[in-house]
Amino acid sequence: MKKFFTAHPQTVGETYWQHMAVALSFAGALFGAAVAALVHAFFPAWFEKTASAKITSLHERMVCNRKKQNMCKGGGC
């Protein structure tokens, strides 16, 4: 059962608790981006680039930084 909680975090070089902290930080950022996109839907002049900028930033953190650390393969960075 322990492996269920630790196998994936190990593949990205994190402990269970480190992975939880990173995942929660992403969840918070995505929630903020979702709220900005929702407000933008009703008031187009507000938060014009907030959600897309946050997604770009999260992509940089998740994909590009790991690529730089030789932890994942793929393009887009």
Protein backbone atom coordinates (compact mmCIF):
# COMPACT_ATOMS: atom_id res chain seq x y z
CA MET A 1 0.00 0.00 0.00
CA LYS A 2 2.88 2.39 0.74
CA LYS A 3 4.04 2.06 -2.87
CA PHE A 4 0.65 3.41 -4.00
CA PHE A 5 1.52 6.73 -2.35
CA THR A 6 5.24 6.85 -3.11
CA ALA A 7 5.78 5.33 -6.57
CA HIS A 8 4.81 8.39 -8.63
CA PRO A 9 6.53 11.01 -6.43
CA GLN A 10 9.76 9.00 -6.73
CA THR A 11 9.57 9.17 -10.52
CA VAL A 12 9.83 12.96 -10.31
CA GLY A 13 12.47 12.98 -7.58
CA GLU A 14 10.20 13.96 -4.69
CA THR A 15 9.04 12.47 -1.42
CA TYR A 16 5.34 11.99 -0.79
CA TRP A 17 5.16 15.22 1.26
CA GLN A 18 7.19 17.24 -1.25
CA HIS A 19 4.95 16.01 -4.05
CA MET A 20 1.86 16.91 -2.05
CA ALA A 21 3.15 20.44 -1.49
CA VAL A 22 3.96 20.93 -5.17
CA ALA A 23 0.61 19.48 -6.29
CA LEU A 24 -1.28 21.70 -3.84
CA SER A 25 0.63 24.75 -5.07
CA PHE A 26 -0.43 23.86 -8.62
CA ALA A 27 -4.02 23.37 -7.47
CA GLY A 28 -4.04 26.81 -5.86
CA ALA A 29 -2.55 28.44 -8.93
CA LEU A 30 -5.03 26.69 -11.22
CA PHE A 31 -7.91 27.73 -8.97
CA GLY A 32 -6.75 31.35 -9.18
CA ALA A 33 -6.44 31.11 -12.96
CA ALA A 34 -9.94 29.61 -13.16
CA VAL A 35 -11.39 32.47 -11.11
CA ALA A 36 -9.60 35.01 -13.31
CA ALA A 37 -10.96 33.29 -16.45
CA LEU A 38 -14.46 33.25 -15.00
CA VAL A 39 -14.34 36.96 -14.20
CA HIS A 40 -12.83 37.63 -17.63
CA ALA A 41 -15.77 35.83 -19.26
CA PHE A 42 -18.15 38.45 -17.86
CA PHE A 43 -15.81 41.45 -17.91
CA PRO A 44 -13.51 41.01 -20.93
CA ALA A 45 -11.38 44.05 -20.09
CA TRP A 46 -10.37 42.49 -16.75
CA PHE A 47 -7.73 39.78 -16.38
CA GLU A 48 -7.05 39.72 -20.12
CA LYS A 49 -3.90 37.62 -19.84
CA THR A 50 -3.97 36.37 -16.26
CA ALA A 51 -5.13 32.80 -16.85
CA SER A 52 -2.94 32.20 -19.90
CA ALA A 53 0.10 33.70 -18.15
CA LYS A 54 -0.47 31.43 -15.15
CA ILE A 55 -0.79 28.36 -17.37
CA THR A 56 2.42 29.30 -19.17
CA SER A 57 4.14 29.74 -15.81
CA LEU A 58 2.90 26.38 -14.55
CA HIS A 59 4.05 24.68 -17.75
CA GLU A 60 7.49 26.20 -17.21
CA ARG A 61 7.57 24.87 -13.64
CA MET A 62 6.25 21.42 -14.43
CA VAL A 63 7.66 20.53 -17.83
CA CYS A 64 10.54 22.80 -18.72
CA ASN A 65 12.24 22.73 -15.32
CA ARG A 66 12.13 18.94 -15.24
CA LYS A 67 13.46 18.82 -18.78
CA LYS A 68 16.36 21.01 -17.68
CA GLN A 69 16.98 18.56 -14.84
CA ASN A 70 16.91 15.68 -17.36
CA MET A 71 13.90 14.21 -15.59
CA CYS A 72 11.51 14.16 -18.52
CA LYS A 73 11.56 14.13 -22.27
CA GLY A 74 9.44 15.99 -24.75
CA GLY A 75 9.20 19.27 -26.53
CA GLY A 76 7.57 22.57 -26.02
CA CYS A 77 10.24 24.30 -23.96
